Amino acid sequence: CRDQLLLLLLAETGFRIGELLGVRYVEDIDYQGCRIRVEPRVDNENKVRAKYEEDRWAKVSKDTFDILLFYYAKYRKLLRESEYLFITLSGEHAGQALTEDAVNAMLRRLQKKTQIKVTSHMLRHYFANERRKNGWSLELISQALGHRNLQTTINYLNISNEELVEASEELFRKNAALYMADKLL
């Protein structure tokens, strides 16, 4: 369930893998509001860091938050050995903060099983595109991703030619009177 939770949180928050692996379950989770915070730190045990020195919050769905609570309850004893939400669950490093290398190895195993390539960064792109499809402004998406430049956010978006044509057709339908093309014929 740890790996499922990790994938769900990457997809729902848009956080970078280093940001998510730096989440500390006592300080960075609002259990009442179902929110998780990126808090930039330079002292993470697993050497991960937030890209910029800005904290930000992300709302998590109730279903995913329930999985987070299940994970927390299932591994409570082991989690007490660490302050990090994501930890190694077995072996000599059990209880230590999960590393980016460990996540990448898990994603390679997932790819081998499913024949579907998934990276943590692909889930950031997924986050951006799903938010755009659901009407989020470019500025909101950019802020949620922690981008400093809107062009970076634009580069994440997969806008097809069909989408552009449909948007133009919708604009023309709604504003036909403004163009008065029918009067010119």
C-alpha atoms as a PDB file:
ATOM      1  CA  CYS A   1       0.000   0.000   0.000  1.00  0.00           C
ATOM      2  CA  ARG A   2       3.013   2.313   0.458  1.00  0.00           C
ATOM      3  CA  ASP A   3       3.802   2.179  -3.255  1.00  0.00           C
ATOM      4  CA  GLN A   4       0.167   2.698  -4.231  1.00  0.00           C
ATOM      5  CA  LEU A   5      -0.038   5.660  -1.873  1.00  0.00           C
ATOM      6  CA  LEU A   6       3.144   7.124  -3.306  1.00  0.00           C
ATOM      7  CA  LEU A   7       1.818   6.889  -6.873  1.00  0.00           C
ATOM      8  CA  LEU A   8      -1.560   8.319  -5.911  1.00  0.00           C
ATOM      9  CA  LEU A   9       0.005  11.254  -4.087  1.00  0.00           C
ATOM     10  CA  LEU A  10       2.329  12.018  -6.987  1.00  0.00           C
ATOM     11  CA  ALA A  11      -0.665  12.054  -9.344  1.00  0.00           C
ATOM     12  CA  GLU A  12      -2.933  14.064  -7.022  1.00  0.00           C
ATOM     13  CA  THR A  13      -0.475  16.647  -5.728  1.00  0.00           C
ATOM     14  CA  GLY A  14       1.830  17.250  -8.674  1.00  0.00           C
ATOM     15  CA  PHE A  15       4.755  17.247  -6.234  1.00  0.00           C
ATOM     16  CA  ARG A  16       8.230  16.374  -7.411  1.00  0.00           C
ATOM     17  CA  ILE A  17       9.494  13.039  -6.092  1.00  0.00           C
ATOM     18  CA  GLY A  18      12.042  14.797  -3.858  1.00  0.00           C
ATOM     19  CA  GLU A  19       9.316  16.991  -2.416  1.00  0.00           C
ATOM     20  CA  LEU A  20       7.056  14.045  -1.610  1.00  0.00           C
ATOM     21  CA  LEU A  21       9.853  11.962  -0.095  1.00  0.00           C
ATOM     22  CA  GLY A  22      10.675  14.892   2.193  1.00  0.00           C
ATOM     23  CA  VAL A  23       7.165  14.980   3.710  1.00  0.00           C
ATOM     24  CA  ARG A  24       7.228  14.472   7.460  1.00  0.00           C
ATOM     25  CA  TYR A  25       4.028  12.902   8.698  1.00  0.00           C
ATOM     26  CA  VAL A  26       3.711  14.962  11.895  1.00  0.00           C
ATOM     27  CA  GLU A  27       4.545  18.440  10.573  1.00  0.00           C
ATOM     28  CA  ASP A  28       3.550  18.365   6.921  1.00  0.00           C
ATOM     29  CA  ILE A  29       0.145  16.722   6.915  1.00  0.00           C
ATOM     30  CA  ASP A  30      -3.095  18.469   7.822  1.00  0.00           C
ATOM     31  CA  TYR A  31      -5.141  15.437   8.883  1.00  0.00           C
ATOM     32  CA  GLN A  32      -8.354  17.457   9.324  1.00  0.00           C
ATOM     33  CA  GLY A  33      -8.133  19.208   5.957  1.00  0.00           C
ATOM     34  CA  CYS A  34      -6.699  16.269   3.956  1.00  0.00           C
ATOM     35  CA  ARG A  35      -3.750  18.393   2.843  1.00  0.00           C
ATOM     36  CA  ILE A  36      -0.030  17.781   2.453  1.00  0.00           C
ATOM     37  CA  ARG A  37       2.701  20.409   2.500  1.00  0.00           C
ATOM     38  CA  VAL A  38       6.011  20.712   0.735  1.00  0.00           C
ATOM     39  CA  GLU A  39       8.373  22.248   3.265  1.00  0.00           C
ATOM     40  CA  PRO A  40      11.804  23.039   1.814  1.00  0.00           C
ATOM     41  CA  ARG A  41      14.527  21.567   4.008  1.00  0.00           C
ATOM     42  CA  VAL A  42      18.229  20.960   3.572  1.00  0.00           C
ATOM     43  CA  ASP A  43      18.528  18.338   6.306  1.00  0.00           C
ATOM     44  CA  ASN A  44      16.446  15.445   4.959  1.00  0.00           C
ATOM     45  CA  GLU A  45      17.886  12.082   5.955  1.00  0.00           C
ATOM     46  CA  ASN A  46      17.376  10.714   2.421  1.00  0.00           C
ATOM     47  CA  LYS A  47      19.109  13.754   0.837  1.00  0.00           C
ATOM     48  CA  VAL A  48      15.983  14.817  -1.099  1.00  0.00           C
ATOM     49  CA  ARG A  49      15.130  18.485  -1.426  1.00  0.00           C
ATOM     50  CA  ALA A  50      12.410  20.730  -2.702  1.00  0.00           C
ATOM     51  CA  LYS A  51      13.563  22.547  -5.822  1.00  0.00           C
ATOM     52  CA  TYR A  52      12.789  26.032  -4.516  1.00  0.00           C
ATOM     53  CA  GLU A  53      12.696  27.601  -1.068  1.00  0.00           C
ATOM     54  CA  GLU A  54       8.911  27.964  -1.079  1.00  0.00           C
ATOM     55  CA  ASP A  55       6.415  25.858   0.794  1.00  0.00           C
ATOM     56  CA  ARG A  56       3.048  24.962  -0.704  1.00  0.00           C
ATOM     57  CA  TRP A  57       0.058  22.846   0.176  1.00  0.00           C
ATOM     58  CA  ALA A  58      -1.908  20.338  -1.901  1.00  0.00           C
ATOM     59  CA  LYS A  59      -5.365  19.007  -1.206  1.00  0.00           C
ATOM     60  CA  VAL A  60      -5.710  15.224  -1.424  1.00  0.00           C
ATOM     61  CA  SER A  61      -8.883  13.320  -2.285  1.00  0.00           C
ATOM     62  CA  LYS A  62     -10.771  11.659   0.555  1.00  0.00           C
ATOM     63  CA  ASP A  63     -10.165   8.213  -0.963  1.00  0.00           C
ATOM     64  CA  THR A  64      -6.416   8.737  -1.184  1.00  0.00           C
ATOM     65  CA  PHE A  65      -6.330  10.228   2.286  1.00  0.00           C
ATOM     66  CA  ASP A  66      -8.086   7.103   3.580  1.00  0.00           C
ATOM     67  CA  ILE A  67      -5.305   5.019   2.016  1.00  0.00           C
ATOM     68  CA  LEU A  68      -2.760   7.304   3.708  1.00  0.00           C
ATOM     69  CA  LEU A  69      -4.458   6.676   7.062  1.00  0.00           C
ATOM     70  CA  PHE A  70      -4.546   2.917   6.384  1.00  0.00           C
ATOM     71  CA  TYR A  71      -0.812   2.974   5.527  1.00  0.00           C
ATOM     72  CA  TYR A  72      -0.089   4.978   8.648  1.00  0.00           C
ATOM     73  CA  ALA A  73      -2.042   2.529  10.836  1.00  0.00           C
ATOM     74  CA  LYS A  74      -0.496  -0.547   9.201  1.00  0.00           C
ATOM     75  CA  TYR A  75       3.094   0.674   9.611  1.00  0.00           C
ATOM     76  CA  ARG A  76       2.671   2.784  12.748  1.00  0.00           C
ATOM     77  CA  LYS A  77       5.408   0.991  14.712  1.00  0.00           C
ATOM     78  CA  LEU A  78       7.907   1.302  11.892  1.00  0.00           C
ATOM     79  CA  LEU A  79       6.942   4.906  11.169  1.00  0.00           C
ATOM     80  CA  ARG A  80       7.723   5.826  14.779  1.00  0.00           C
ATOM     81  CA  GLU A  81      11.376   5.147  13.977  1.00  0.00           C
ATOM     82  CA  SER A  82      11.327   7.953  11.408  1.00  0.00           C
ATOM     83  CA  GLU A  83       9.707  11.319  10.920  1.00  0.00           C
ATOM     84  CA  TYR A  84       9.143  10.745   7.190  1.00  0.00           C
ATOM     85  CA  LEU A  85       5.892   9.587   5.650  1.00  0.00           C
ATOM     86  CA  PHE A  86       7.617   7.296   3.161  1.00  0.00           C
ATOM     87  CA  ILE A  87      10.021   4.791   4.664  1.00  0.00           C
ATOM     88  CA  THR A  88      11.745   1.544   3.795  1.00  0.00           C
ATOM     89  CA  LEU A  89       9.500  -1.249   5.050  1.00  0.00           C
ATOM     90  CA  SER A  90      11.901  -4.177   5.355  1.00  0.00           C
ATOM     91  CA  GLY A  91      15.521  -5.214   5.461  1.00  0.00           C
ATOM     92  CA  GLU A  92      18.403  -3.592   7.250  1.00  0.00           C
ATOM     93  CA  HIS A  93      17.160  -0.082   6.370  1.00  0.00           C
ATOM     94  CA  ALA A  94      13.597  -0.656   7.632  1.00  0.00           C
ATOM     95  CA  GLY A  95      12.202   2.509   9.169  1.00  0.00           C
ATOM     96  CA  GLN A  96      14.595   4.813   7.328  1.00  0.00           C
ATOM     97  CA  ALA A  97      13.411   7.491   4.927  1.00  0.00           C
ATOM     98  CA  LEU A  98      12.707   6.126   1.464  1.00  0.00           C
ATOM     99  CA  THR A  99      15.182   7.258  -1.187  1.00  0.00           C
ATOM    100  CA  GLU A 100      14.629   8.419  -4.738  1.00  0.00           C
ATOM    101  CA  ASP A 101      16.681   5.435  -5.959  1.00  0.00           C
ATOM    102  CA  ALA A 102      14.318   3.055  -4.156  1.00  0.00           C
ATOM    103  CA  VAL A 103      11.296   4.710  -5.805  1.00  0.00           C
ATOM    104  CA  ASN A 104      12.916   4.505  -9.247  1.00  0.00           C
ATOM    105  CA  ALA A 105      13.641   0.808  -8.671  1.00  0.00           C
ATOM    106  CA  MET A 106       9.995   0.260  -7.704  1.00  0.00           C
ATOM    107  CA  LEU A 107       8.866   2.028 -10.877  1.00  0.00           C
ATOM    108  CA  ARG A 108      11.161  -0.172 -12.982  1.00  0.00           C
ATOM    109  CA  ARG A 109       9.643  -3.278 -11.352  1.00  0.00           C
ATOM    110  CA  LEU A 110       6.176  -1.907 -12.082  1.00  0.00           C
ATOM    111  CA  GLN A 111       7.133  -1.340 -15.718  1.00  0.00           C
ATOM    112  CA  LYS A 112       8.466  -4.882 -15.992  1.00  0.00           C
ATOM    113  CA  LYS A 113       5.181  -6.306 -14.624  1.00  0.00           C
ATOM    114  CA  THR A 114       2.821  -4.086 -16.632  1.00  0.00           C
ATOM    115  CA  GLN A 115       4.851  -3.193 -19.730  1.00  0.00           C
ATOM    116  CA  ILE A 116       3.849   0.421 -19.026  1.00  0.00           C
ATOM    117  CA  LYS A 117       6.580   2.959 -18.440  1.00  0.00           C
ATOM    118  CA  VAL A 118       5.851   5.291 -15.545  1.00  0.00           C
ATOM    119  CA  THR A 119       8.138   7.855 -13.984  1.00  0.00           C
ATOM    120  CA  SER A 120       7.451  10.222 -11.144  1.00  0.00           C
ATOM    121  CA  HIS A 121       7.884  13.103 -13.579  1.00  0.00           C
ATOM    122  CA  MET A 122       5.252  11.631 -15.921  1.00  0.00           C
ATOM    123  CA  LEU A 123       2.809  11.844 -13.026  1.00  0.00           C
ATOM    124  CA  ARG A 124       3.534  15.595 -12.738  1.00  0.00           C
ATOM    125  CA  HIS A 125       2.608  15.931 -16.421  1.00  0.00           C
ATOM    126  CA  TYR A 126      -0.538  13.883 -15.765  1.00  0.00           C
ATOM    127  CA  PHE A 127      -1.411  16.205 -12.869  1.00  0.00           C
ATOM    128  CA  ALA A 128      -1.009  19.305 -15.042  1.00  0.00           C
ATOM    129  CA  ASN A 129      -3.036  17.936 -17.947  1.00  0.00           C
ATOM    130  CA  GLU A 130      -5.879  16.651 -15.780  1.00  0.00           C
ATOM    131  CA  ARG A 131      -6.164  20.008 -14.025  1.00  0.00           C
ATOM    132  CA  ARG A 132      -6.231  21.847 -17.339  1.00  0.00           C
ATOM    133  CA  LYS A 133      -8.966  19.528 -18.663  1.00  0.00           C
ATOM    134  CA  ASN A 134     -10.941  20.296 -15.515  1.00  0.00           C
ATOM    135  CA  GLY A 135     -10.788  24.046 -16.052  1.00  0.00           C
ATOM    136  CA  TRP A 136      -7.896  25.108 -13.842  1.00  0.00           C
ATOM    137  CA  SER A 137      -6.195  28.284 -14.999  1.00  0.00           C
ATOM    138  CA  LEU A 138      -2.605  28.127 -16.166  1.00  0.00           C
ATOM    139  CA  GLU A 139      -1.584  30.209 -13.166  1.00  0.00           C
ATOM    140  CA  LEU A 140      -3.167  27.766 -10.685  1.00  0.00           C
ATOM    141  CA  ILE A 141      -1.537  24.783 -12.340  1.00  0.00           C
ATOM    142  CA  SER A 142       1.818  26.553 -12.373  1.00  0.00           C
ATOM    143  CA  GLN A 143       1.582  27.440  -8.695  1.00  0.00           C
ATOM    144  CA  ALA A 144       0.478  23.906  -7.757  1.00  0.00           C
ATOM    145  CA  LEU A 145       3.485  22.462  -9.591  1.00  0.00           C
ATOM    146  CA  GLY A 146       5.835  24.936  -7.944  1.00  0.00           C
ATOM    147  CA  HIS A 147       6.942  26.434 -11.250  1.00  0.00           C
ATOM    148  CA  ARG A 148       8.425  29.905 -11.324  1.00  0.00           C
ATOM    149  CA  ASN A 149       7.832  30.381 -15.039  1.00  0.00           C
ATOM    150  CA  LEU A 150       4.509  29.912 -16.863  1.00  0.00           C
ATOM    151  CA  GLN A 151       6.356  28.670 -19.953  1.00  0.00           C
ATOM    152  CA  THR A 152       7.572  25.676 -17.955  1.00  0.00           C
ATOM    153  CA  THR A 153       3.963  24.836 -17.125  1.00  0.00           C
ATOM    154  CA  ILE A 154       2.906  25.301 -20.756  1.00  0.00           C
ATOM    155  CA  ASN A 155       5.567  22.771 -21.758  1.00  0.00           C
ATOM    156  CA  TYR A 156       3.827  20.196 -19.520  1.00  0.00           C
ATOM    157  CA  LEU A 157       0.506  20.506 -21.331  1.00  0.00           C
ATOM    158  CA  ASN A 158      -0.433  18.194 -24.194  1.00  0.00           C
ATOM    159  CA  ILE A 159      -2.742  20.307 -26.330  1.00  0.00           C
ATOM    160  CA  SER A 160      -3.739  18.544 -29.541  1.00  0.00           C
ATOM    161  CA  ASN A 161      -4.638  20.161 -32.857  1.00  0.00           C
ATOM    162  CA  GLU A 162      -8.140  18.686 -32.496  1.00  0.00           C
ATOM    163  CA  GLU A 163      -8.523  20.478 -29.179  1.00  0.00           C
ATOM    164  CA  LEU A 164      -7.465  23.764 -30.760  1.00  0.00           C
ATOM    165  CA  VAL A 165      -9.985  23.332 -33.596  1.00  0.00           C
ATOM    166  CA  GLU A 166     -12.781  22.439 -31.143  1.00  0.00           C
ATOM    167  CA  ALA A 167     -11.980  25.483 -28.998  1.00  0.00           C
ATOM    168  CA  SER A 168     -12.063  27.749 -32.057  1.00  0.00           C
ATOM    169  CA  GLU A 169     -15.373  26.275 -33.236  1.00  0.00           C
ATOM    170  CA  GLU A 170     -16.871  26.813 -29.782  1.00  0.00           C
ATOM    171  CA  LEU A 171     -15.640  30.419 -29.744  1.00  0.00           C
ATOM    172  CA  PHE A 172     -17.139  31.082 -33.170  1.00  0.00           C
ATOM    173  CA  ARG A 173     -20.477  29.517 -32.165  1.00  0.00           C
ATOM    174  CA  LYS A 174     -20.701  31.618 -29.013  1.00  0.00           C
ATOM    175  CA  ASN A 175     -19.609  34.851 -30.700  1.00  0.00           C
ATOM    176  CA  ALA A 176     -20.977  34.596 -34.238  1.00  0.00           C
ATOM    177  CA  ALA A 177     -22.779  37.934 -33.894  1.00  0.00           C
ATOM    178  CA  LEU A 178     -19.515  39.710 -33.082  1.00  0.00           C
ATOM    179  CA  TYR A 179     -17.914  38.648 -36.355  1.00  0.00           C
ATOM    180  CA  MET A 180     -20.998  39.473 -38.485  1.00  0.00           C
ATOM    181  CA  ALA A 181     -19.715  37.254 -41.275  1.00  0.00           C
ATOM    182  CA  ASP A 182     -23.316  36.392 -42.196  1.00  0.00           C
ATOM    183  CA  LYS A 183     -23.951  40.114 -42.902  1.00  0.00           C
ATOM    184  CA  LEU A 184     -21.015  40.301 -45.280  1.00  0.00           C
ATOM    185  CA  LEU A 185     -22.339  37.548 -47.557  1.00  0.00           C
END
